[in-house]
Amino acid sequence: MGSLSLPEIPVIDFSKENLNPGTSSWLSTCRDVMYAFEEYGYFVAVHDKVPLKLHNDLFSTFKDLFGLPLETKRKNVYDLPYFGYVGNHHFQNFSVSQQNILWY
């Protein structure tokens, strides 16, 4: 019997020199991000200009966020389906609406 193989996590490199809004590199990267979210629900973002301390602080904050008691996480609600806190024993997700995202 064959072994199960785990899917590869998509990796998207944001440290490209010409990654500016409106450029072909920007549009290609946007398509890569959308594909990764639609097909996998996540991706690994690589950017060589992000200081290691910021990277570690961010992941520490996420660990704290997802480590909150369930009662606390369930207080994060939206009227939109699958927004706010969504979780079960297989996964956890916090979503925000696009109104809260800064687009450059």
PDB file of N, CA and C in Angstrom:
ATOM      1  N   MET A   1       0.848  -1.172   0.000  1.00  0.00           N
ATOM      2  CA  MET A   1       0.000   0.000   0.000  1.00  0.00           C
ATOM      3  C   MET A   1       0.894   1.235   0.000  1.00  0.00           C
ATOM      4  N   GLY A   2       0.570   2.230  -0.824  1.00  0.00           N
ATOM      5  CA  GLY A   2       1.369   3.449  -0.931  1.00  0.00           C
ATOM      6  C   GLY A   2       1.176   4.368   0.261  1.00  0.00           C
ATOM      7  N   SER A   3       2.140   5.221   0.470  1.00  0.00           N
ATOM      8  CA  SER A   3       2.027   6.169   1.577  1.00  0.00           C
ATOM      9  C   SER A   3       1.304   7.424   1.112  1.00  0.00           C
ATOM     10  N   LEU A   4       0.644   8.070   2.037  1.00  0.00           N
ATOM     11  CA  LEU A   4      -0.042   9.320   1.726  1.00  0.00           C
ATOM     12  C   LEU A   4       0.974  10.438   1.648  1.00  0.00           C
ATOM     13  N   SER A   5       0.833  11.291   0.663  1.00  0.00           N
ATOM     14  CA  SER A   5       1.728  12.437   0.576  1.00  0.00           C
ATOM     15  C   SER A   5       0.960  13.692   0.957  1.00  0.00           C
ATOM     16  N   LEU A   6       1.592  14.530   1.725  1.00  0.00           N
ATOM     17  CA  LEU A   6       0.975  15.773   2.145  1.00  0.00           C
ATOM     18  C   LEU A   6       1.112  16.811   1.039  1.00  0.00           C
ATOM     19  N   PRO A   7       0.108  17.658   0.857  1.00  0.00           N
ATOM     20  CA  PRO A   7       0.228  18.686  -0.182  1.00  0.00           C
ATOM     21  C   PRO A   7       1.310  19.690   0.207  1.00  0.00           C
ATOM     22  N   GLU A   8       1.981  20.214  -0.805  1.00  0.00           N
ATOM     23  CA  GLU A   8       2.989  21.229  -0.539  1.00  0.00           C
ATOM     24  C   GLU A   8       2.299  22.541  -0.197  1.00  0.00           C
ATOM     25  N   ILE A   9       2.866  23.263   0.744  1.00  0.00           N
ATOM     26  CA  ILE A   9       2.337  24.574   1.108  1.00  0.00           C
ATOM     27  C   ILE A   9       2.845  25.573   0.074  1.00  0.00           C
ATOM     28  N   PRO A  10       1.938  26.338  -0.547  1.00  0.00           N
ATOM     29  CA  PRO A  10       2.401  27.329  -1.526  1.00  0.00           C
ATOM     30  C   PRO A  10       3.294  28.374  -0.851  1.00  0.00           C
ATOM     31  N   VAL A  11       4.350  28.768  -1.538  1.00  0.00           N
ATOM     32  CA  VAL A  11       5.266  29.793  -1.044  1.00  0.00           C
ATOM     33  C   VAL A  11       5.228  30.951  -2.034  1.00  0.00           C
ATOM     34  N   ILE A  12       4.956  32.150  -1.537  1.00  0.00           N
ATOM     35  CA  ILE A  12       4.893  33.333  -2.392  1.00  0.00           C
ATOM     36  C   ILE A  12       5.949  34.322  -1.922  1.00  0.00           C
ATOM     37  N   ASP A  13       6.804  34.737  -2.856  1.00  0.00           N
ATOM     38  CA  ASP A  13       7.915  35.638  -2.553  1.00  0.00           C
ATOM     39  C   ASP A  13       7.503  37.080  -2.812  1.00  0.00           C
ATOM     40  N   PHE A  14       7.449  37.869  -1.747  1.00  0.00           N
ATOM     41  CA  PHE A  14       7.075  39.279  -1.846  1.00  0.00           C
ATOM     42  C   PHE A  14       8.296  40.199  -1.881  1.00  0.00           C
ATOM     43  N   SER A  15       9.477  39.655  -2.022  1.00  0.00           N
ATOM     44  CA  SER A  15      10.681  40.480  -1.998  1.00  0.00           C
ATOM     45  C   SER A  15      11.196  40.814  -3.394  1.00  0.00           C
ATOM     46  N   LYS A  16      10.388  40.566  -4.422  1.00  0.00           N
ATOM     47  CA  LYS A  16      10.772  40.911  -5.785  1.00  0.00           C
ATOM     48  C   LYS A  16      10.963  42.431  -5.884  1.00  0.00           C
ATOM     49  N   GLU A  17      12.010  42.856  -6.585  1.00  0.00           N
ATOM     50  CA  GLU A  17      12.326  44.279  -6.665  1.00  0.00           C
ATOM     51  C   GLU A  17      11.241  45.095  -7.342  1.00  0.00           C
ATOM     52  N   ASN A  18      10.624  44.567  -8.381  1.00  0.00           N
ATOM     53  CA  ASN A  18       9.636  45.350  -9.127  1.00  0.00           C
ATOM     54  C   ASN A  18       8.199  45.028  -8.730  1.00  0.00           C
ATOM     55  N   LEU A  19       7.977  44.677  -7.494  1.00  0.00           N
ATOM     56  CA  LEU A  19       6.637  44.340  -7.017  1.00  0.00           C
ATOM     57  C   LEU A  19       5.919  45.624  -6.600  1.00  0.00           C
ATOM     58  N   ASN A  20       5.434  46.351  -7.588  1.00  0.00           N
ATOM     59  CA  ASN A  20       4.735  47.616  -7.368  1.00  0.00           C
ATOM     60  C   ASN A  20       3.342  47.515  -7.961  1.00  0.00           C
ATOM     61  N   PRO A  21       2.344  48.147  -7.303  1.00  0.00           N
ATOM     62  CA  PRO A  21       0.976  48.079  -7.820  1.00  0.00           C
ATOM     63  C   PRO A  21       0.901  48.450  -9.301  1.00  0.00           C
ATOM     64  N   GLY A  22       0.167  47.640 -10.056  1.00  0.00           N
ATOM     65  CA  GLY A  22      -0.041  47.889 -11.469  1.00  0.00           C
ATOM     66  C   GLY A  22       0.956  47.209 -12.385  1.00  0.00           C
ATOM     67  N   THR A  23       2.092  46.754 -11.859  1.00  0.00           N
ATOM     68  CA  THR A  23       3.086  46.090 -12.704  1.00  0.00           C
ATOM     69  C   THR A  23       2.660  44.649 -12.981  1.00  0.00           C
ATOM     70  N   SER A  24       3.255  44.045 -14.001  1.00  0.00           N
ATOM     71  CA  SER A  24       2.926  42.652 -14.316  1.00  0.00           C
ATOM     72  C   SER A  24       3.335  41.729 -13.167  1.00  0.00           C
ATOM     73  N   SER A  25       4.436  42.074 -12.489  1.00  0.00           N
ATOM     74  CA  SER A  25       4.876  41.283 -11.338  1.00  0.00           C
ATOM     75  C   SER A  25       3.844  41.356 -10.213  1.00  0.00           C
ATOM     76  N   TRP A  26       3.293  42.538  -9.989  1.00  0.00           N
ATOM     77  CA  TRP A  26       2.262  42.744  -8.966  1.00  0.00           C
ATOM     78  C   TRP A  26       1.026  41.911  -9.301  1.00  0.00           C
ATOM     79  N   LEU A  27       0.564  42.007 -10.537  1.00  0.00           N
ATOM     80  CA  LEU A  27      -0.645  41.283 -10.940  1.00  0.00           C
ATOM     81  C   LEU A  27      -0.439  39.779 -10.863  1.00  0.00           C
ATOM     82  N   SER A  28       0.735  39.316 -11.253  1.00  0.00           N
ATOM     83  CA  SER A  28       1.054  37.888 -11.162  1.00  0.00           C
ATOM     84  C   SER A  28       1.055  37.416  -9.713  1.00  0.00           C
ATOM     85  N   THR A  29       1.643  38.209  -8.842  1.00  0.00           N
ATOM     86  CA  THR A  29       1.677  37.860  -7.417  1.00  0.00           C
ATOM     87  C   THR A  29       0.272  37.867  -6.826  1.00  0.00           C
ATOM     88  N   CYS A  30      -0.559  38.826  -7.233  1.00  0.00           N
ATOM     89  CA  CYS A  30      -1.956  38.856  -6.774  1.00  0.00           C
ATOM     90  C   CYS A  30      -2.686  37.587  -7.185  1.00  0.00           C
ATOM     91  N   ARG A  31      -2.458  37.151  -8.425  1.00  0.00           N
ATOM     92  CA  ARG A  31      -3.088  35.900  -8.893  1.00  0.00           C
ATOM     93  C   ARG A  31      -2.585  34.706  -8.077  1.00  0.00           C
ATOM     94  N   ASP A  32      -1.283  34.704  -7.766  1.00  0.00           N
ATOM     95  CA  ASP A  32      -0.724  33.616  -6.959  1.00  0.00           C
ATOM     96  C   ASP A  32      -1.364  33.570  -5.569  1.00  0.00           C
ATOM     97  N   VAL A  33      -1.568  34.749  -4.976  1.00  0.00           N
ATOM     98  CA  VAL A  33      -2.185  34.829  -3.646  1.00  0.00           C
ATOM     99  C   VAL A  33      -3.625  34.310  -3.707  1.00  0.00           C
ATOM    100  N   MET A  34      -4.386  34.772  -4.685  1.00  0.00           N
ATOM    101  CA  MET A  34      -5.776  34.325  -4.811  1.00  0.00           C
ATOM    102  C   MET A  34      -5.845  32.809  -5.025  1.00  0.00           C
ATOM    103  N   TYR A  35      -4.982  32.282  -5.885  1.00  0.00           N
ATOM    104  CA  TYR A  35      -4.970  30.841  -6.139  1.00  0.00           C
ATOM    105  C   TYR A  35      -4.646  30.071  -4.860  1.00  0.00           C
ATOM    106  N   ALA A  36      -3.635  30.544  -4.127  1.00  0.00           N
ATOM    107  CA  ALA A  36      -3.248  29.855  -2.892  1.00  0.00           C
ATOM    108  C   ALA A  36      -4.396  29.847  -1.894  1.00  0.00           C
ATOM    109  N   PHE A  37      -5.084  30.979  -1.749  1.00  0.00           N
ATOM    110  CA  PHE A  37      -6.212  31.034  -0.812  1.00  0.00           C
ATOM    111  C   PHE A  37      -7.368  30.152  -1.289  1.00  0.00           C
ATOM    112  N   GLU A  38      -7.663  30.196  -2.585  1.00  0.00           N
ATOM    113  CA  GLU A  38      -8.791  29.418  -3.099  1.00  0.00           C
ATOM    114  C   GLU A  38      -8.526  27.914  -3.061  1.00  0.00           C
ATOM    115  N   GLU A  39      -7.314  27.507  -3.374  1.00  0.00           N
ATOM    116  CA  GLU A  39      -7.003  26.082  -3.457  1.00  0.00           C
ATOM    117  C   GLU A  39      -6.540  25.466  -2.142  1.00  0.00           C
ATOM    118  N   TYR A  40      -5.821  26.247  -1.316  1.00  0.00           N
ATOM    119  CA  TYR A  40      -5.238  25.717  -0.083  1.00  0.00           C
ATOM    120  C   TYR A  40      -5.776  26.379   1.180  1.00  0.00           C
ATOM    121  N   GLY A  41      -6.182  27.645   1.056  1.00  0.00           N
ATOM    122  CA  GLY A  41      -6.650  28.385   2.224  1.00  0.00           C
ATOM    123  C   GLY A  41      -5.526  29.083   2.963  1.00  0.00           C
ATOM    124  N   TYR A  42      -4.303  28.947   2.494  1.00  0.00           N
ATOM    125  CA  TYR A  42      -3.156  29.562   3.162  1.00  0.00           C
ATOM    126  C   TYR A  42      -1.944  29.517   2.242  1.00  0.00           C
ATOM    127  N   PHE A  43      -0.897  30.225   2.635  1.00  0.00           N
ATOM    128  CA  PHE A  43       0.382  30.161   1.933  1.00  0.00           C
ATOM    129  C   PHE A  43       1.466  30.689   2.866  1.00  0.00           C
ATOM    130  N   VAL A  44       2.701  30.427   2.514  1.00  0.00           N
ATOM    131  CA  VAL A  44       3.843  30.967   3.247  1.00  0.00           C
ATOM    132  C   VAL A  44       4.296  32.214   2.495  1.00  0.00           C
ATOM    133  N   ALA A  45       4.319  33.339   3.191  1.00  0.00           N
ATOM    134  CA  ALA A  45       4.777  34.596   2.600  1.00  0.00           C
ATOM    135  C   ALA A  45       6.254  34.783   2.919  1.00  0.00           C
ATOM    136  N   VAL A  46       7.042  35.015   1.872  1.00  0.00           N
ATOM    137  CA  VAL A  46       8.476  35.236   2.036  1.00  0.00           C
ATOM    138  C   VAL A  46       8.777  36.677   1.655  1.00  0.00           C
ATOM    139  N   HIS A  47       9.461  37.374   2.527  1.00  0.00           N
ATOM    140  CA  HIS A  47       9.889  38.744   2.243  1.00  0.00           C
ATOM    141  C   HIS A  47      11.168  38.978   3.014  1.00  0.00           C
ATOM    142  N   ASP A  48      12.262  39.123   2.306  1.00  0.00           N
ATOM    143  CA  ASP A  48      13.564  39.203   2.972  1.00  0.00           C
ATOM    144  C   ASP A  48      13.799  40.508   3.730  1.00  0.00           C
ATOM    145  N   LYS A  49      12.895  41.473   3.590  1.00  0.00           N
ATOM    146  CA  LYS A  49      13.079  42.743   4.292  1.00  0.00           C
ATOM    147  C   LYS A  49      12.316  42.793   5.623  1.00  0.00           C
ATOM    148  N   VAL A  50      11.626  41.718   5.967  1.00  0.00           N
ATOM    149  CA  VAL A  50      10.915  41.665   7.245  1.00  0.00           C
ATOM    150  C   VAL A  50      11.914  41.257   8.321  1.00  0.00           C
ATOM    151  N   PRO A  51      12.141  42.133   9.304  1.00  0.00           N
ATOM    152  CA  PRO A  51      13.099  41.785  10.363  1.00  0.00           C
ATOM    153  C   PRO A  51      12.650  40.537  11.122  1.00  0.00           C
ATOM    154  N   LEU A  52      13.607  39.738  11.527  1.00  0.00           N
ATOM    155  CA  LEU A  52      13.319  38.500  12.241  1.00  0.00           C
ATOM    156  C   LEU A  52      12.507  38.762  13.506  1.00  0.00           C
ATOM    157  N   LYS A  53      12.797  39.852  14.209  1.00  0.00           N
ATOM    158  CA  LYS A  53      12.047  40.176  15.431  1.00  0.00           C
ATOM    159  C   LYS A  53      10.568  40.408  15.109  1.00  0.00           C
ATOM    160  N   LEU A  54      10.283  41.142  14.036  1.00  0.00           N
ATOM    161  CA  LEU A  54       8.889  41.375  13.646  1.00  0.00           C
ATOM    162  C   LEU A  54       8.215  40.050  13.293  1.00  0.00           C
ATOM    163  N   HIS A  55       8.895  39.211  12.536  1.00  0.00           N
ATOM    164  CA  HIS A  55       8.375  37.892  12.172  1.00  0.00           C
ATOM    165  C   HIS A  55       8.030  37.090  13.425  1.00  0.00           C
ATOM    166  N   ASN A  56       8.964  37.017  14.358  1.00  0.00           N
ATOM    167  CA  ASN A  56       8.751  36.248  15.586  1.00  0.00           C
ATOM    168  C   ASN A  56       7.643  36.846  16.444  1.00  0.00           C
ATOM    169  N   ASP A  57       7.594  38.189  16.525  1.00  0.00           N
ATOM    170  CA  ASP A  57       6.541  38.851  17.300  1.00  0.00           C
ATOM    171  C   ASP A  57       5.162  38.562  16.705  1.00  0.00           C
ATOM    172  N   LEU A  58       5.074  38.587  15.384  1.00  0.00           N
ATOM    173  CA  LEU A  58       3.806  38.321  14.713  1.00  0.00           C
ATOM    174  C   LEU A  58       3.319  36.904  15.000  1.00  0.00           C
ATOM    175  N   PHE A  59       4.205  35.929  14.853  1.00  0.00           N
ATOM    176  CA  PHE A  59       3.805  34.549  15.110  1.00  0.00           C
ATOM    177  C   PHE A  59       3.493  34.317  16.581  1.00  0.00           C
ATOM    178  N   SER A  60       4.185  35.009  17.456  1.00  0.00           N
ATOM    179  CA  SER A  60       3.878  34.916  18.884  1.00  0.00           C
ATOM    180  C   SER A  60       2.474  35.460  19.165  1.00  0.00           C
ATOM    181  N   THR A  61       2.140  36.570  18.501  1.00  0.00           N
ATOM    182  CA  THR A  61       0.809  37.156  18.661  1.00  0.00           C
ATOM    183  C   THR A  61      -0.269  36.223  18.140  1.00  0.00           C
ATOM    184  N   PHE A  62      -0.021  35.589  16.973  1.00  0.00           N
ATOM    185  CA  PHE A  62      -0.986  34.626  16.446  1.00  0.00           C
ATOM    186  C   PHE A  62      -1.163  33.453  17.403  1.00  0.00           C
ATOM    187  N   LYS A  63      -0.074  33.015  17.986  1.00  0.00           N
ATOM    188  CA  LYS A  63      -0.142  31.906  18.941  1.00  0.00           C
ATOM    189  C   LYS A  63      -1.013  32.306  20.130  1.00  0.00           C
ATOM    190  N   ASP A  64      -0.820  33.536  20.615  1.00  0.00           N
ATOM    191  CA  ASP A  64      -1.645  34.044  21.716  1.00  0.00           C
ATOM    192  C   ASP A  64      -3.110  34.153  21.300  1.00  0.00           C
ATOM    193  N   LEU A  65      -3.353  34.682  20.084  1.00  0.00           N
ATOM    194  CA  LEU A  65      -4.719  34.850  19.589  1.00  0.00           C
ATOM    195  C   LEU A  65      -5.447  33.522  19.508  1.00  0.00           C
ATOM    196  N   PHE A  66      -4.830  32.538  18.869  1.00  0.00           N
ATOM    197  CA  PHE A  66      -5.487  31.246  18.712  1.00  0.00           C
ATOM    198  C   PHE A  66      -5.489  30.436  20.001  1.00  0.00           C
ATOM    199  N   GLY A  67      -4.689  30.857  20.983  1.00  0.00           N
ATOM    200  CA  GLY A  67      -4.658  30.177  22.271  1.00  0.00           C
ATOM    201  C   GLY A  67      -5.669  30.723  23.271  1.00  0.00           C
ATOM    202  N   LEU A  68      -6.404  31.769  22.879  1.00  0.00           N
ATOM    203  CA  LEU A  68      -7.422  32.323  23.780  1.00  0.00           C
ATOM    204  C   LEU A  68      -8.490  31.272  24.081  1.00  0.00           C
ATOM    205  N   PRO A  69      -9.169  31.419  25.220  1.00  0.00           N
ATOM    206  CA  PRO A  69     -10.263  30.479  25.523  1.00  0.00           C
ATOM    207  C   PRO A  69     -11.342  30.552  24.444  1.00  0.00           C
ATOM    208  N   LEU A  70     -11.985  29.440  24.194  1.00  0.00           N
ATOM    209  CA  LEU A  70     -13.011  29.343  23.165  1.00  0.00           C
ATOM    210  C   LEU A  70     -14.110  30.385  23.369  1.00  0.00           C
ATOM    211  N   GLU A  71     -14.506  30.618  24.618  1.00  0.00           N
ATOM    212  CA  GLU A  71     -15.565  31.591  24.892  1.00  0.00           C
ATOM    213  C   GLU A  71     -15.172  32.987  24.409  1.00  0.00           C
ATOM    214  N   THR A  72     -13.908  33.320  24.570  1.00  0.00           N
ATOM    215  CA  THR A  72     -13.413  34.627  24.143  1.00  0.00           C
ATOM    216  C   THR A  72     -13.389  34.718  22.626  1.00  0.00           C
ATOM    217  N   LYS A  73     -12.888  33.685  21.952  1.00  0.00           N
ATOM    218  CA  LYS A  73     -12.806  33.697  20.490  1.00  0.00           C
ATOM    219  C   LYS A  73     -14.194  33.782  19.862  1.00  0.00           C
ATOM    220  N   ARG A  74     -15.176  33.147  20.472  1.00  0.00           N
ATOM    221  CA  ARG A  74     -16.535  33.151  19.917  1.00  0.00           C
ATOM    222  C   ARG A  74     -17.207  34.521  20.012  1.00  0.00           C
ATOM    223  N   LYS A  75     -16.626  35.439  20.767  1.00  0.00           N
ATOM    224  CA  LYS A  75     -17.163  36.803  20.842  1.00  0.00           C
ATOM    225  C   LYS A  75     -16.832  37.609  19.592  1.00  0.00           C
ATOM    226  N   ASN A  76     -15.891  37.148  18.779  1.00  0.00           N
ATOM    227  CA  ASN A  76     -15.521  37.817  17.537  1.00  0.00           C
ATOM    228  C   ASN A  76     -16.471  37.344  16.440  1.00  0.00           C
ATOM    229  N   VAL A  77     -17.552  38.098  16.231  1.00  0.00           N
ATOM    230  CA  VAL A  77     -18.588  37.686  15.286  1.00  0.00           C
ATOM    231  C   VAL A  77     -18.822  38.763  14.226  1.00  0.00           C
ATOM    232  N   TYR A  78     -19.296  38.331  13.079  1.00  0.00           N
ATOM    233  CA  TYR A  78     -19.710  39.189  11.977  1.00  0.00           C
ATOM    234  C   TYR A  78     -21.054  38.689  11.495  1.00  0.00           C
ATOM    235  N   ASP A  79     -21.794  39.541  10.795  1.00  0.00           N
ATOM    236  CA  ASP A  79     -23.045  39.110  10.180  1.00  0.00           C
ATOM    237  C   ASP A  79     -22.796  38.270   8.925  1.00  0.00           C
ATOM    238  N   LEU A  80     -21.614  38.407   8.342  1.00  0.00           N
ATOM    239  CA  LEU A  80     -21.286  37.658   7.135  1.00  0.00           C
ATOM    240  C   LEU A  80     -20.903  36.217   7.481  1.00  0.00           C
ATOM    241  N   PRO A  81     -21.315  35.259   6.650  1.00  0.00           N
ATOM    242  CA  PRO A  81     -20.925  33.867   6.920  1.00  0.00           C
ATOM    243  C   PRO A  81     -19.415  33.681   6.842  1.00  0.00           C
ATOM    244  N   TYR A  82     -18.878  32.877   7.724  1.00  0.00           N
ATOM    245  CA  TYR A  82     -17.458  32.528   7.791  1.00  0.00           C
ATOM    246  C   TYR A  82     -16.552  33.708   8.137  1.00  0.00           C
ATOM    247  N   PHE A  83     -17.088  34.771   8.661  1.00  0.00           N
ATOM    248  CA  PHE A  83     -16.282  35.888   9.128  1.00  0.00           C
ATOM    249  C   PHE A  83     -16.270  35.880  10.646  1.00  0.00           C
ATOM    250  N   GLY A  84     -15.282  36.538  11.227  1.00  0.00           N
ATOM    251  CA  GLY A  84     -15.110  36.469  12.668  1.00  0.00           C
ATOM    252  C   GLY A  84     -14.388  35.185  13.003  1.00  0.00           C
ATOM    253  N   TYR A  85     -14.683  34.622  14.140  1.00  0.00           N
ATOM    254  CA  TYR A  85     -14.049  33.359  14.539  1.00  0.00           C
ATOM    255  C   TYR A  85     -14.866  32.195  14.024  1.00  0.00           C
ATOM    256  N   VAL A  86     -14.203  31.263  13.354  1.00  0.00           N
ATOM    257  CA  VAL A  86     -14.815  30.013  12.907  1.00  0.00           C
ATOM    258  C   VAL A  86     -13.858  28.915  13.343  1.00  0.00           C
ATOM    259  N   GLY A  87     -14.359  27.923  14.031  1.00  0.00           N
ATOM    260  CA  GLY A  87     -13.455  26.865  14.460  1.00  0.00           C
ATOM    261  C   GLY A  87     -14.179  25.610  14.881  1.00  0.00           C
ATOM    262  N   ASN A  88     -13.435  24.524  14.837  1.00  0.00           N
ATOM    263  CA  ASN A  88     -13.891  23.250  15.372  1.00  0.00           C
ATOM    264  C   ASN A  88     -12.641  22.478  15.782  1.00  0.00           C
ATOM    265  N   HIS A  89     -12.752  21.201  16.014  1.00  0.00           N
ATOM    266  CA  HIS A  89     -11.587  20.452  16.485  1.00  0.00           C
ATOM    267  C   HIS A  89     -10.555  20.190  15.381  1.00  0.00           C
ATOM    268  N   HIS A  90     -10.859  20.568  14.111  1.00  0.00           N
ATOM    269  CA  HIS A  90      -9.908  20.372  13.012  1.00  0.00           C
ATOM    270  C   HIS A  90      -9.154  21.641  12.623  1.00  0.00           C
ATOM    271  N   PHE A  91      -9.809  22.786  12.763  1.00  0.00           N
ATOM    272  CA  PHE A  91      -9.165  24.023  12.347  1.00  0.00           C
ATOM    273  C   PHE A  91      -9.749  25.215  13.096  1.00  0.00           C
ATOM    274  N   GLN A  92      -9.033  26.340  13.021  1.00  0.00           N
ATOM    275  CA  GLN A  92      -9.518  27.605  13.553  1.00  0.00           C
ATOM    276  C   GLN A  92      -9.237  28.680  12.510  1.00  0.00           C
ATOM    277  N   ASN A  93     -10.125  29.671  12.441  1.00  0.00           N
ATOM    278  CA  ASN A  93      -9.969  30.729  11.462  1.00  0.00           C
ATOM    279  C   ASN A  93     -10.516  32.033  12.041  1.00  0.00           C
ATOM    280  N   PHE A  94      -9.799  33.105  11.838  1.00  0.00           N
ATOM    281  CA  PHE A  94     -10.287  34.450  12.120  1.00  0.00           C
ATOM    282  C   PHE A  94     -10.309  35.185  10.796  1.00  0.00           C
ATOM    283  N   SER A  95     -11.457  35.716  10.407  1.00  0.00           N
ATOM    284  CA  SER A  95     -11.567  36.448   9.147  1.00  0.00           C
ATOM    285  C   SER A  95     -12.046  37.859   9.419  1.00  0.00           C
ATOM    286  N   VAL A  96     -11.650  38.763   8.548  1.00  0.00           N
ATOM    287  CA  VAL A  96     -12.115  40.147   8.613  1.00  0.00           C
ATOM    288  C   VAL A  96     -12.675  40.517   7.257  1.00  0.00           C
ATOM    289  N   SER A  97     -13.525  41.534   7.237  1.00  0.00           N
ATOM    290  CA  SER A  97     -14.069  41.979   5.960  1.00  0.00           C
ATOM    291  C   SER A  97     -13.047  42.850   5.245  1.00  0.00           C
ATOM    292  N   GLN A  98     -13.223  43.012   3.944  1.00  0.00           N
ATOM    293  CA  GLN A  98     -12.293  43.824   3.175  1.00  0.00           C
ATOM    294  C   GLN A  98     -12.316  45.282   3.596  1.00  0.00           C
ATOM    295  N   GLN A  99     -13.356  45.713   4.274  1.00  0.00           N
ATOM    296  CA  GLN A  99     -13.407  47.092   4.778  1.00  0.00           C
ATOM    297  C   GLN A  99     -12.264  47.361   5.737  1.00  0.00           C
ATOM    298  N   ASN A 100     -11.779  46.329   6.382  1.00  0.00           N
ATOM    299  CA  ASN A 100     -10.730  46.489   7.386  1.00  0.00           C
ATOM    300  C   ASN A 100      -9.323  46.277   6.825  1.00  0.00           C
ATOM    301  N   ILE A 101      -9.217  46.075   5.518  1.00  0.00           N
ATOM    302  CA  ILE A 101      -7.920  45.813   4.901  1.00  0.00           C
ATOM    303  C   ILE A 101      -7.447  47.065   4.169  1.00  0.00           C
ATOM    304  N   LEU A 102      -6.207  47.433   4.374  1.00  0.00           N
ATOM    305  CA  LEU A 102      -5.642  48.579   3.668  1.00  0.00           C
ATOM    306  C   LEU A 102      -5.045  48.098   2.354  1.00  0.00           C
ATOM    307  N   TRP A 103      -5.544  48.603   1.242  1.00  0.00           N
ATOM    308  CA  TRP A 103      -5.021  48.251  -0.080  1.00  0.00           C
ATOM    309  C   TRP A 103      -4.150  49.390  -0.560  1.00  0.00           C
ATOM    310  N   TYR A 104      -3.002  49.072  -1.081  1.00  0.00           N
ATOM    311  CA  TYR A 104      -2.077  50.097  -1.570  1.00  0.00           C
ATOM    312  C   TYR A 104      -1.989  50.049  -3.069  1.00  0.00           C
TER     313      TYR A 104
END
